[in-house]
Amino acid sequence: MVVAVIGGLAVAAACYAGKYGIKAWSAFKARPPTVTFRKFYEGGFQPTMTKREAALILGLRENTALDKIKEAHRKVIVANHPDAGGSHYLAYKINEAKDVMLGKTKGSGSGSAF
């Protein structure tokens, strides 16, 4: 008899916990969306690429080490490569950003050949 009472209380406690869990989940789903920080570069390109713009395109800081620049370039170019459905212009700008960050160029024009 005692076992049946304890079992009944356990079932009742599980039901109440489930009820409040569903209420908490509904309240969580109904809350307004929060603004999150975007981790990608928004906006158009400058006529001559600066080191700051190149760092933003690659998602780096301006004084990043050479190996980190190459690694970031590889990740960004794989995601935007024309052979994978990306844009030729974006691939050009990504490669230009790598060159600017590595000091191979001081930034060229806006890529008007495309």
PDB file of N, CA and C in Angstrom:
ATOM      1  N   MET A   1       0.827  -1.190   0.000  1.00  0.00           N
ATOM      2  CA  MET A   1       0.000   0.000   0.000  1.00  0.00           C
ATOM      3  C   MET A   1       0.873   1.257   0.000  1.00  0.00           C
ATOM      4  N   VAL A   2       1.927   1.272   0.806  1.00  0.00           N
ATOM      5  CA  VAL A   2       2.813   2.425   0.886  1.00  0.00           C
ATOM      6  C   VAL A   2       3.529   2.638  -0.451  1.00  0.00           C
ATOM      7  N   VAL A   3       3.885   1.544  -1.109  1.00  0.00           N
ATOM      8  CA  VAL A   3       4.576   1.623  -2.395  1.00  0.00           C
ATOM      9  C   VAL A   3       3.665   2.256  -3.434  1.00  0.00           C
ATOM     10  N   ALA A   4       2.377   1.933  -3.417  1.00  0.00           N
ATOM     11  CA  ALA A   4       1.426   2.496  -4.365  1.00  0.00           C
ATOM     12  C   ALA A   4       1.263   4.001  -4.136  1.00  0.00           C
ATOM     13  N   VAL A   5       1.238   4.436  -2.897  1.00  0.00           N
ATOM     14  CA  VAL A   5       1.102   5.864  -2.576  1.00  0.00           C
ATOM     15  C   VAL A   5       2.348   6.619  -3.041  1.00  0.00           C
ATOM     16  N   ILE A   6       3.517   6.064  -2.786  1.00  0.00           N
ATOM     17  CA  ILE A   6       4.768   6.709  -3.203  1.00  0.00           C
ATOM     18  C   ILE A   6       4.835   6.767  -4.732  1.00  0.00           C
ATOM     19  N   GLY A   7       4.414   5.694  -5.379  1.00  0.00           N
ATOM     20  CA  GLY A   7       4.388   5.672  -6.846  1.00  0.00           C
ATOM     21  C   GLY A   7       3.431   6.719  -7.398  1.00  0.00           C
ATOM     22  N   GLY A   8       2.265   6.860  -6.771  1.00  0.00           N
ATOM     23  CA  GLY A   8       1.285   7.868  -7.200  1.00  0.00           C
ATOM     24  C   GLY A   8       1.820   9.279  -7.029  1.00  0.00           C
ATOM     25  N   LEU A   9       2.503   9.521  -5.913  1.00  0.00           N
ATOM     26  CA  LEU A   9       3.095  10.841  -5.685  1.00  0.00           C
ATOM     27  C   LEU A   9       4.196  11.142  -6.708  1.00  0.00           C
ATOM     28  N   ALA A  10       4.954  10.133  -7.068  1.00  0.00           N
ATOM     29  CA  ALA A  10       6.010  10.321  -8.069  1.00  0.00           C
ATOM     30  C   ALA A  10       5.408  10.668  -9.424  1.00  0.00           C
ATOM     31  N   VAL A  11       4.325   9.983  -9.802  1.00  0.00           N
ATOM     32  CA  VAL A  11       3.658  10.276 -11.074  1.00  0.00           C
ATOM     33  C   VAL A  11       3.083  11.697 -11.050  1.00  0.00           C
ATOM     34  N   ALA A  12       2.464  12.086  -9.944  1.00  0.00           N
ATOM     35  CA  ALA A  12       1.894  13.429  -9.831  1.00  0.00           C
ATOM     36  C   ALA A  12       2.993  14.491  -9.921  1.00  0.00           C
ATOM     37  N   ALA A  13       4.114  14.249  -9.280  1.00  0.00           N
ATOM     38  CA  ALA A  13       5.233  15.202  -9.327  1.00  0.00           C
ATOM     39  C   ALA A  13       5.767  15.316 -10.747  1.00  0.00           C
ATOM     40  N   ALA A  14       5.859  14.194 -11.467  1.00  0.00           N
ATOM     41  CA  ALA A  14       6.334  14.230 -12.858  1.00  0.00           C
ATOM     42  C   ALA A  14       5.367  15.011 -13.741  1.00  0.00           C
ATOM     43  N   CYS A  15       4.075  14.854 -13.505  1.00  0.00           N
ATOM     44  CA  CYS A  15       3.071  15.596 -14.287  1.00  0.00           C
ATOM     45  C   CYS A  15       3.180  17.098 -14.046  1.00  0.00           C
ATOM     46  N   TYR A  16       3.311  17.507 -12.798  1.00  0.00           N
ATOM     47  CA  TYR A  16       3.457  18.927 -12.490  1.00  0.00           C
ATOM     48  C   TYR A  16       4.749  19.493 -13.080  1.00  0.00           C
ATOM     49  N   ALA A  17       5.831  18.734 -13.011  1.00  0.00           N
ATOM     50  CA  ALA A  17       7.100  19.187 -13.590  1.00  0.00           C
ATOM     51  C   ALA A  17       6.952  19.343 -15.100  1.00  0.00           C
ATOM     52  N   GLY A  18       6.277  18.416 -15.750  1.00  0.00           N
ATOM     53  CA  GLY A  18       6.043  18.515 -17.191  1.00  0.00           C
ATOM     54  C   GLY A  18       5.200  19.724 -17.546  1.00  0.00           C
ATOM     55  N   LYS A  19       4.166  19.982 -16.745  1.00  0.00           N
ATOM     56  CA  LYS A  19       3.279  21.134 -16.979  1.00  0.00           C
ATOM     57  C   LYS A  19       4.072  22.438 -16.911  1.00  0.00           C
ATOM     58  N   TYR A  20       4.893  22.594 -15.891  1.00  0.00           N
ATOM     59  CA  TYR A  20       5.671  23.824 -15.754  1.00  0.00           C
ATOM     60  C   TYR A  20       6.794  23.901 -16.788  1.00  0.00           C
ATOM     61  N   GLY A  21       7.306  22.750 -17.197  1.00  0.00           N
ATOM     62  CA  GLY A  21       8.307  22.739 -18.262  1.00  0.00           C
ATOM     63  C   GLY A  21       7.724  23.224 -19.579  1.00  0.00           C
ATOM     64  N   ILE A  22       6.504  22.792 -19.883  1.00  0.00           N
ATOM     65  CA  ILE A  22       5.839  23.241 -21.116  1.00  0.00           C
ATOM     66  C   ILE A  22       5.552  24.736 -21.051  1.00  0.00           C
ATOM     67  N   LYS A  23       5.119  25.232 -19.903  1.00  0.00           N
ATOM     68  CA  LYS A  23       4.874  26.676 -19.755  1.00  0.00           C
ATOM     69  C   LYS A  23       6.171  27.475 -19.949  1.00  0.00           C
ATOM     70  N   ALA A  24       7.262  26.983 -19.374  1.00  0.00           N
ATOM     71  CA  ALA A  24       8.549  27.680 -19.502  1.00  0.00           C
ATOM     72  C   ALA A  24       9.009  27.672 -20.957  1.00  0.00           C
ATOM     73  N   TRP A  25       8.831  26.556 -21.658  1.00  0.00           N
ATOM     74  CA  TRP A  25       9.231  26.467 -23.071  1.00  0.00           C
ATOM     75  C   TRP A  25       8.392  27.423 -23.921  1.00  0.00           C
ATOM     76  N   SER A  26       7.099  27.506 -23.651  1.00  0.00           N
ATOM     77  CA  SER A  26       6.227  28.425 -24.396  1.00  0.00           C
ATOM     78  C   SER A  26       6.638  29.873 -24.171  1.00  0.00           C
ATOM     79  N   ALA A  27       6.964  30.213 -22.933  1.00  0.00           N
ATOM     80  CA  ALA A  27       7.410  31.569 -22.632  1.00  0.00           C
ATOM     81  C   ALA A  27       8.736  31.867 -23.322  1.00  0.00           C
ATOM     82  N   PHE A  28       9.617  30.885 -23.385  1.00  0.00           N
ATOM     83  CA  PHE A  28      10.905  31.056 -24.058  1.00  0.00           C
ATOM     84  C   PHE A  28      10.705  31.281 -25.553  1.00  0.00           C
ATOM     85  N   LYS A  29       9.831  30.512 -26.174  1.00  0.00           N
ATOM     86  CA  LYS A  29       9.583  30.640 -27.605  1.00  0.00           C
ATOM     87  C   LYS A  29       8.867  31.957 -27.954  1.00  0.00           C
ATOM     88  N   ALA A  30       8.072  32.511 -27.023  1.00  0.00           N
ATOM     89  CA  ALA A  30       7.299  33.716 -27.284  1.00  0.00           C
ATOM     90  C   ALA A  30       8.087  34.999 -27.059  1.00  0.00           C
ATOM     91  N   ARG A  31       9.286  34.908 -26.501  1.00  0.00           N
ATOM     92  CA  ARG A  31      10.044  36.129 -26.221  1.00  0.00           C
ATOM     93  C   ARG A  31      10.497  36.779 -27.533  1.00  0.00           C
ATOM     94  N   PRO A  32      10.674  38.092 -27.523  1.00  0.00           N
ATOM     95  CA  PRO A  32      11.094  38.779 -28.752  1.00  0.00           C
ATOM     96  C   PRO A  32      12.531  38.396 -29.127  1.00  0.00           C
ATOM     97  N   PRO A  33      12.811  38.381 -30.417  1.00  0.00           N
ATOM     98  CA  PRO A  33      14.175  38.033 -30.836  1.00  0.00           C
ATOM     99  C   PRO A  33      15.175  39.084 -30.392  1.00  0.00           C
ATOM    100  N   THR A  34      16.371  38.638 -30.072  1.00  0.00           N
ATOM    101  CA  THR A  34      17.417  39.557 -29.648  1.00  0.00           C
ATOM    102  C   THR A  34      18.323  39.868 -30.832  1.00  0.00           C
ATOM    103  N   VAL A  35      18.893  41.042 -30.814  1.00  0.00           N
ATOM    104  CA  VAL A  35      19.809  41.447 -31.866  1.00  0.00           C
ATOM    105  C   VAL A  35      21.173  40.837 -31.557  1.00  0.00           C
ATOM    106  N   THR A  36      21.740  40.167 -32.541  1.00  0.00           N
ATOM    107  CA  THR A  36      23.049  39.572 -32.362  1.00  0.00           C
ATOM    108  C   THR A  36      24.077  40.326 -33.178  1.00  0.00           C
ATOM    109  N   PHE A  37      25.315  40.253 -32.761  1.00  0.00           N
ATOM    110  CA  PHE A  37      26.405  40.906 -33.461  1.00  0.00           C
ATOM    111  C   PHE A  37      26.733  40.117 -34.719  1.00  0.00           C
ATOM    112  N   ARG A  38      26.780  40.804 -35.849  1.00  0.00           N
ATOM    113  CA  ARG A  38      27.099  40.127 -37.099  1.00  0.00           C
ATOM    114  C   ARG A  38      28.599  40.033 -37.255  1.00  0.00           C
ATOM    115  N   LYS A  39      29.067  38.888 -37.714  1.00  0.00           N
ATOM    116  CA  LYS A  39      30.495  38.658 -37.831  1.00  0.00           C
ATOM    117  C   LYS A  39      30.972  38.734 -39.268  1.00  0.00           C
ATOM    118  N   PHE A  40      30.252  39.434 -40.107  1.00  0.00           N
ATOM    119  CA  PHE A  40      30.703  39.568 -41.472  1.00  0.00           C
ATOM    120  C   PHE A  40      30.731  41.040 -41.855  1.00  0.00           C
ATOM    121  N   TYR A  41      31.428  41.333 -42.900  1.00  0.00           N
ATOM    122  CA  TYR A  41      31.620  42.700 -43.356  1.00  0.00           C
ATOM    123  C   TYR A  41      30.392  43.164 -44.117  1.00  0.00           C
ATOM    124  N   GLU A  42      29.767  44.237 -43.650  1.00  0.00           N
ATOM    125  CA  GLU A  42      28.616  44.809 -44.328  1.00  0.00           C
ATOM    126  C   GLU A  42      29.046  46.062 -45.073  1.00  0.00           C
ATOM    127  N   GLY A  43      28.485  46.268 -46.210  1.00  0.00           N
ATOM    128  CA  GLY A  43      28.740  47.508 -46.932  1.00  0.00           C
ATOM    129  C   GLY A  43      29.493  47.282 -48.220  1.00  0.00           C
ATOM    130  N   GLY A  44      29.599  48.324 -48.997  1.00  0.00           N
ATOM    131  CA  GLY A  44      30.290  48.250 -50.270  1.00  0.00           C
ATOM    132  C   GLY A  44      31.791  48.347 -50.106  1.00  0.00           C
ATOM    133  N   PHE A  45      32.475  48.256 -51.239  1.00  0.00           N
ATOM    134  CA  PHE A  45      33.925  48.319 -51.224  1.00  0.00           C
ATOM    135  C   PHE A  45      34.386  49.742 -51.486  1.00  0.00           C
ATOM    136  N   GLN A  46      35.539  50.109 -50.914  1.00  0.00           N
ATOM    137  CA  GLN A  46      36.138  51.415 -51.144  1.00  0.00           C
ATOM    138  C   GLN A  46      36.860  51.385 -52.485  1.00  0.00           C
ATOM    139  N   PRO A  47      37.047  52.548 -53.120  1.00  0.00           N
ATOM    140  CA  PRO A  47      37.727  52.570 -54.421  1.00  0.00           C
ATOM    141  C   PRO A  47      39.127  51.957 -54.371  1.00  0.00           C
ATOM    142  N   THR A  48      39.874  52.247 -53.324  1.00  0.00           N
ATOM    143  CA  THR A  48      41.184  51.645 -53.118  1.00  0.00           C
ATOM    144  C   THR A  48      41.147  50.920 -51.785  1.00  0.00           C
ATOM    145  N   MET A  49      41.466  49.636 -51.819  1.00  0.00           N
ATOM    146  CA  MET A  49      41.360  48.832 -50.602  1.00  0.00           C
ATOM    147  C   MET A  49      42.419  49.241 -49.588  1.00  0.00           C
ATOM    148  N   THR A  50      41.982  49.482 -48.375  1.00  0.00           N
ATOM    149  CA  THR A  50      42.880  49.808 -47.272  1.00  0.00           C
ATOM    150  C   THR A  50      43.121  48.545 -46.445  1.00  0.00           C
ATOM    151  N   LYS A  51      44.090  48.627 -45.564  1.00  0.00           N
ATOM    152  CA  LYS A  51      44.383  47.482 -44.692  1.00  0.00           C
ATOM    153  C   LYS A  51      43.209  47.221 -43.761  1.00  0.00           C
ATOM    154  N   ARG A  52      42.524  48.259 -43.352  1.00  0.00           N
ATOM    155  CA  ARG A  52      41.358  48.098 -42.481  1.00  0.00           C
ATOM    156  C   ARG A  52      40.249  47.337 -43.199  1.00  0.00           C
ATOM    157  N   GLU A  53      39.976  47.732 -44.448  1.00  0.00           N
ATOM    158  CA  GLU A  53      38.942  47.052 -45.219  1.00  0.00           C
ATOM    159  C   GLU A  53      39.337  45.597 -45.490  1.00  0.00           C
ATOM    160  N   ALA A  54      40.600  45.362 -45.800  1.00  0.00           N
ATOM    161  CA  ALA A  54      41.074  44.001 -46.049  1.00  0.00           C
ATOM    162  C   ALA A  54      40.896  43.135 -44.803  1.00  0.00           C
ATOM    163  N   ALA A  55      41.202  43.704 -43.639  1.00  0.00           N
ATOM    164  CA  ALA A  55      41.037  42.961 -42.388  1.00  0.00           C
ATOM    165  C   ALA A  55      39.564  42.644 -42.140  1.00  0.00           C
ATOM    166  N   LEU A  56      38.676  43.579 -42.458  1.00  0.00           N
ATOM    167  CA  LEU A  56      37.246  43.336 -42.284  1.00  0.00           C
ATOM    168  C   LEU A  56      36.753  42.236 -43.218  1.00  0.00           C
ATOM    169  N   ILE A  57      37.229  42.230 -44.440  1.00  0.00           N
ATOM    170  CA  ILE A  57      36.810  41.214 -45.407  1.00  0.00           C
ATOM    171  C   ILE A  57      37.240  39.828 -44.942  1.00  0.00           C
ATOM    172  N   LEU A  58      38.443  39.724 -44.432  1.00  0.00           N
ATOM    173  CA  LEU A  58      38.963  38.430 -43.993  1.00  0.00           C
ATOM    174  C   LEU A  58      38.554  38.074 -42.566  1.00  0.00           C
ATOM    175  N   GLY A  59      37.951  39.024 -41.854  1.00  0.00           N
ATOM    176  CA  GLY A  59      37.527  38.766 -40.482  1.00  0.00           C
ATOM    177  C   GLY A  59      38.676  38.733 -39.504  1.00  0.00           C
ATOM    178  N   LEU A  60      39.667  39.589 -39.730  1.00  0.00           N
ATOM    179  CA  LEU A  60      40.873  39.621 -38.901  1.00  0.00           C
ATOM    180  C   LEU A  60      41.088  41.002 -38.317  1.00  0.00           C
ATOM    181  N   ARG A  61      42.144  41.114 -37.526  1.00  0.00           N
ATOM    182  CA  ARG A  61      42.618  42.420 -37.065  1.00  0.00           C
ATOM    183  C   ARG A  61      43.724  42.871 -38.001  1.00  0.00           C
ATOM    184  N   GLU A  62      43.992  44.144 -38.005  1.00  0.00           N
ATOM    185  CA  GLU A  62      44.979  44.687 -38.940  1.00  0.00           C
ATOM    186  C   GLU A  62      46.396  44.187 -38.686  1.00  0.00           C
ATOM    187  N   ASN A  63      46.708  43.798 -37.465  1.00  0.00           N
ATOM    188  CA  ASN A  63      48.072  43.369 -37.141  1.00  0.00           C
ATOM    189  C   ASN A  63      48.150  41.864 -36.886  1.00  0.00           C
ATOM    190  N   THR A  64      47.471  41.091 -37.704  1.00  0.00           N
ATOM    191  CA  THR A  64      47.431  39.643 -37.555  1.00  0.00           C
ATOM    192  C   THR A  64      48.678  39.004 -38.165  1.00  0.00           C
ATOM    193  N   ALA A  65      49.092  37.879 -37.616  1.00  0.00           N
ATOM    194  CA  ALA A  65      50.268  37.153 -38.108  1.00  0.00           C
ATOM    195  C   ALA A  65      50.006  36.578 -39.502  1.00  0.00           C
ATOM    196  N   LEU A  66      51.089  36.369 -40.258  1.00  0.00           N
ATOM    197  CA  LEU A  66      50.983  35.922 -41.641  1.00  0.00           C
ATOM    198  C   LEU A  66      50.271  34.581 -41.772  1.00  0.00           C
ATOM    199  N   ASP A  67      50.544  33.639 -40.892  1.00  0.00           N
ATOM    200  CA  ASP A  67      49.902  32.329 -40.998  1.00  0.00           C
ATOM    201  C   ASP A  67      48.403  32.413 -40.752  1.00  0.00           C
ATOM    202  N   LYS A  68      47.982  33.299 -39.863  1.00  0.00           N
ATOM    203  CA  LYS A  68      46.552  33.489 -39.592  1.00  0.00           C
ATOM    204  C   LYS A  68      45.863  34.150 -40.788  1.00  0.00           C
ATOM    205  N   ILE A  69      46.573  35.043 -41.482  1.00  0.00           N
ATOM    206  CA  ILE A  69      46.021  35.693 -42.667  1.00  0.00           C
ATOM    207  C   ILE A  69      45.763  34.648 -43.748  1.00  0.00           C
ATOM    208  N   LYS A  70      46.738  33.774 -43.968  1.00  0.00           N
ATOM    209  CA  LYS A  70      46.590  32.746 -44.999  1.00  0.00           C
ATOM    210  C   LYS A  70      45.473  31.770 -44.653  1.00  0.00           C
ATOM    211  N   GLU A  71      45.358  31.423 -43.384  1.00  0.00           N
ATOM    212  CA  GLU A  71      44.306  30.508 -42.947  1.00  0.00           C
ATOM    213  C   GLU A  71      42.921  31.140 -43.121  1.00  0.00           C
ATOM    214  N   ALA A  72      42.788  32.420 -42.729  1.00  0.00           N
ATOM    215  CA  ALA A  72      41.506  33.114 -42.879  1.00  0.00           C
ATOM    216  C   ALA A  72      41.154  33.269 -44.358  1.00  0.00           C
ATOM    217  N   HIS A  73      42.151  33.583 -45.189  1.00  0.00           N
ATOM    218  CA  HIS A  73      41.905  33.720 -46.621  1.00  0.00           C
ATOM    219  C   HIS A  73      41.388  32.401 -47.196  1.00  0.00           C
ATOM    220  N   ARG A  74      42.000  31.296 -46.799  1.00  0.00           N
ATOM    221  CA  ARG A  74      41.577  30.000 -47.308  1.00  0.00           C
ATOM    222  C   ARG A  74      40.122  29.711 -46.951  1.00  0.00           C
ATOM    223  N   LYS A  75      39.731  30.003 -45.711  1.00  0.00           N
ATOM    224  CA  LYS A  75      38.357  29.746 -45.278  1.00  0.00           C
ATOM    225  C   LYS A  75      37.359  30.610 -46.051  1.00  0.00           C
ATOM    226  N   VAL A  76      37.686  31.887 -46.235  1.00  0.00           N
ATOM    227  CA  VAL A  76      36.760  32.800 -46.910  1.00  0.00           C
ATOM    228  C   VAL A  76      36.680  32.481 -48.400  1.00  0.00           C
ATOM    229  N   ILE A  77      37.798  32.172 -49.032  1.00  0.00           N
ATOM    230  CA  ILE A  77      37.782  31.918 -50.469  1.00  0.00           C
ATOM    231  C   ILE A  77      37.093  30.598 -50.776  1.00  0.00           C
ATOM    232  N   VAL A  78      37.224  29.595 -49.914  1.00  0.00           N
ATOM    233  CA  VAL A  78      36.521  28.326 -50.136  1.00  0.00           C
ATOM    234  C   VAL A  78      35.012  28.561 -50.103  1.00  0.00           C
ATOM    235  N   ALA A  79      34.554  29.399 -49.202  1.00  0.00           N
ATOM    236  CA  ALA A  79      33.119  29.672 -49.086  1.00  0.00           C
ATOM    237  C   ALA A  79      32.587  30.511 -50.246  1.00  0.00           C
ATOM    238  N   ASN A  80      33.449  31.281 -50.918  1.00  0.00           N
ATOM    239  CA  ASN A  80      32.997  32.196 -51.961  1.00  0.00           C
ATOM    240  C   ASN A  80      33.627  31.932 -53.327  1.00  0.00           C
ATOM    241  N   HIS A  81      34.207  30.775 -53.524  1.00  0.00           N
ATOM    242  CA  HIS A  81      34.906  30.495 -54.773  1.00  0.00           C
ATOM    243  C   HIS A  81      33.912  30.357 -55.935  1.00  0.00           C
ATOM    244  N   PRO A  82      34.260  30.897 -57.104  1.00  0.00           N
ATOM    245  CA  PRO A  82      33.348  30.818 -58.253  1.00  0.00           C
ATOM    246  C   PRO A  82      33.021  29.373 -58.664  1.00  0.00           C
ATOM    247  N   ASP A  83      33.924  28.440 -58.484  1.00  0.00           N
ATOM    248  CA  ASP A  83      33.653  27.051 -58.834  1.00  0.00           C
ATOM    249  C   ASP A  83      32.612  26.416 -57.918  1.00  0.00           C
ATOM    250  N   ALA A  84      32.391  27.018 -56.761  1.00  0.00           N
ATOM    251  CA  ALA A  84      31.403  26.510 -55.806  1.00  0.00           C
ATOM    252  C   ALA A  84      30.154  27.384 -55.803  1.00  0.00           C
ATOM    253  N   GLY A  85      29.950  28.163 -56.864  1.00  0.00           N
ATOM    254  CA  GLY A  85      28.762  29.001 -56.957  1.00  0.00           C
ATOM    255  C   GLY A  85      28.955  30.413 -56.452  1.00  0.00           C
ATOM    256  N   GLY A  86      30.170  30.792 -56.116  1.00  0.00           N
ATOM    257  CA  GLY A  86      30.435  32.145 -55.638  1.00  0.00           C
ATOM    258  C   GLY A  86      30.638  33.122 -56.787  1.00  0.00           C
ATOM    259  N   SER A  87      30.891  34.341 -56.449  1.00  0.00           N
ATOM    260  CA  SER A  87      31.051  35.409 -57.424  1.00  0.00           C
ATOM    261  C   SER A  87      32.527  35.590 -57.786  1.00  0.00           C
ATOM    262  N   HIS A  88      32.783  35.836 -59.075  1.00  0.00           N
ATOM    263  CA  HIS A  88      34.152  36.120 -59.505  1.00  0.00           C
ATOM    264  C   HIS A  88      34.650  37.421 -58.870  1.00  0.00           C
ATOM    265  N   TYR A  89      33.760  38.402 -58.775  1.00  0.00           N
ATOM    266  CA  TYR A  89      34.139  39.690 -58.199  1.00  0.00           C
ATOM    267  C   TYR A  89      34.506  39.543 -56.722  1.00  0.00           C
ATOM    268  N   LEU A  90      33.708  38.797 -55.971  1.00  0.00           N
ATOM    269  CA  LEU A  90      34.025  38.600 -54.549  1.00  0.00           C
ATOM    270  C   LEU A  90      35.330  37.846 -54.377  1.00  0.00           C
ATOM    271  N   ALA A  91      35.570  36.847 -55.224  1.00  0.00           N
ATOM    272  CA  ALA A  91      36.832  36.113 -55.147  1.00  0.00           C
ATOM    273  C   ALA A  91      38.001  37.053 -55.421  1.00  0.00           C
ATOM    274  N   TYR A  92      37.832  37.957 -56.380  1.00  0.00           N
ATOM    275  CA  TYR A  92      38.866  38.949 -56.701  1.00  0.00           C
ATOM    276  C   TYR A  92      39.140  39.843 -55.487  1.00  0.00           C
ATOM    277  N   LYS A  93      38.067  40.316 -54.841  1.00  0.00           N
ATOM    278  CA  LYS A  93      38.227  41.197 -53.682  1.00  0.00           C
ATOM    279  C   LYS A  93      38.837  40.446 -52.494  1.00  0.00           C
ATOM    280  N   ILE A  94      38.499  39.192 -52.316  1.00  0.00           N
ATOM    281  CA  ILE A  94      39.071  38.398 -51.230  1.00  0.00           C
ATOM    282  C   ILE A  94      40.566  38.201 -51.461  1.00  0.00           C
ATOM    283  N   ASN A  95      40.936  37.905 -52.698  1.00  0.00           N
ATOM    284  CA  ASN A  95      42.356  37.749 -53.021  1.00  0.00           C
ATOM    285  C   ASN A  95      43.093  39.074 -52.869  1.00  0.00           C
ATOM    286  N   GLU A  96      42.452  40.162 -53.248  1.00  0.00           N
ATOM    287  CA  GLU A  96      43.060  41.487 -53.082  1.00  0.00           C
ATOM    288  C   GLU A  96      43.254  41.784 -51.592  1.00  0.00           C
ATOM    289  N   ALA A  97      42.285  41.413 -50.771  1.00  0.00           N
ATOM    290  CA  ALA A  97      42.394  41.635 -49.327  1.00  0.00           C
ATOM    291  C   ALA A  97      43.581  40.862 -48.755  1.00  0.00           C
ATOM    292  N   LYS A  98      43.773  39.631 -49.219  1.00  0.00           N
ATOM    293  CA  LYS A  98      44.924  38.850 -48.753  1.00  0.00           C
ATOM    294  C   LYS A  98      46.227  39.534 -49.149  1.00  0.00           C
ATOM    295  N   ASP A  99      46.310  40.011 -50.392  1.00  0.00           N
ATOM    296  CA  ASP A  99      47.521  40.687 -50.854  1.00  0.00           C
ATOM    297  C   ASP A  99      47.807  41.949 -50.047  1.00  0.00           C
ATOM    298  N   VAL A 100      46.769  42.709 -49.745  1.00  0.00           N
ATOM    299  CA  VAL A 100      46.952  43.937 -48.952  1.00  0.00           C
ATOM    300  C   VAL A 100      47.439  43.582 -47.552  1.00  0.00           C
ATOM    301  N   MET A 101      46.838  42.549 -46.936  1.00  0.00           N
ATOM    302  CA  MET A 101      47.237  42.168 -45.579  1.00  0.00           C
ATOM    303  C   MET A 101      48.662  41.621 -45.543  1.00  0.00           C
ATOM    304  N   LEU A 102      49.076  40.942 -46.612  1.00  0.00           N
ATOM    305  CA  LEU A 102      50.433  40.397 -46.657  1.00  0.00           C
ATOM    306  C   LEU A 102      51.450  41.428 -47.109  1.00  0.00           C
ATOM    307  N   GLY A 103      50.989  42.612 -47.514  1.00  0.00           N
ATOM    308  CA  GLY A 103      51.894  43.675 -47.928  1.00  0.00           C
ATOM    309  C   GLY A 103      52.389  43.539 -49.353  1.00  0.00           C
ATOM    310  N   LYS A 104      51.750  42.697 -50.160  1.00  0.00           N
ATOM    311  CA  LYS A 104      52.170  42.516 -51.544  1.00  0.00           C
ATOM    312  C   LYS A 104      51.742  43.671 -52.430  1.00  0.00           C
ATOM    313  N   THR A 105      50.736  44.410 -52.003  1.00  0.00           N
ATOM    314  CA  THR A 105      50.247  45.560 -52.760  1.00  0.00           C
ATOM    315  C   THR A 105      49.695  46.577 -51.786  1.00  0.00           C
ATOM    316  N   LYS A 106      49.608  47.792 -52.211  1.00  0.00           N
ATOM    317  CA  LYS A 106      49.031  48.823 -51.356  1.00  0.00           C
ATOM    318  C   LYS A 106      47.562  48.999 -51.657  1.00  0.00           C
ATOM    319  N   GLY A 107      46.986  48.082 -52.424  1.00  0.00           N
ATOM    320  CA  GLY A 107      45.586  48.182 -52.799  1.00  0.00           C
ATOM    321  C   GLY A 107      45.484  48.714 -54.199  1.00  0.00           C
ATOM    322  N   SER A 108      44.734  48.023 -55.012  1.00  0.00           N
ATOM    323  CA  SER A 108      44.567  48.466 -56.383  1.00  0.00           C
ATOM    324  C   SER A 108      43.201  49.112 -56.541  1.00  0.00           C
ATOM    325  N   GLY A 109      42.791  49.250 -57.760  1.00  0.00           N
ATOM    326  CA  GLY A 109      41.507  49.882 -58.024  1.00  0.00           C
ATOM    327  C   GLY A 109      40.371  49.017 -57.539  1.00  0.00           C
ATOM    328  N   SER A 110      39.171  49.368 -57.932  1.00  0.00           N
ATOM    329  CA  SER A 110      37.986  48.675 -57.446  1.00  0.00           C
ATOM    330  C   SER A 110      37.657  47.425 -58.230  1.00  0.00           C
ATOM    331  N   GLY A 111      38.526  47.020 -59.128  1.00  0.00           N
ATOM    332  CA  GLY A 111      38.248  45.831 -59.903  1.00  0.00           C
ATOM    333  C   GLY A 111      37.320  46.124 -61.050  1.00  0.00           C
ATOM    334  N   SER A 112      37.515  47.253 -61.707  1.00  0.00           N
ATOM    335  CA  SER A 112      36.599  47.684 -62.750  1.00  0.00           C
ATOM    336  C   SER A 112      36.697  46.815 -63.997  1.00  0.00           C
ATOM    337  N   ALA A 113      37.655  45.883 -64.044  1.00  0.00           N
ATOM    338  CA  ALA A 113      37.767  45.006 -65.201  1.00  0.00           C
ATOM    339  C   ALA A 113      36.621  43.992 -65.223  1.00  0.00           C
ATOM    340  N   PHE A 114      35.888  43.855 -64.113  1.00  0.00           N
ATOM    341  CA  PHE A 114      34.802  42.880 -64.053  1.00  0.00           C
ATOM    342  C   PHE A 114      33.507  43.539 -64.335  1.00  0.00           C
TER     343      PHE A 114
END
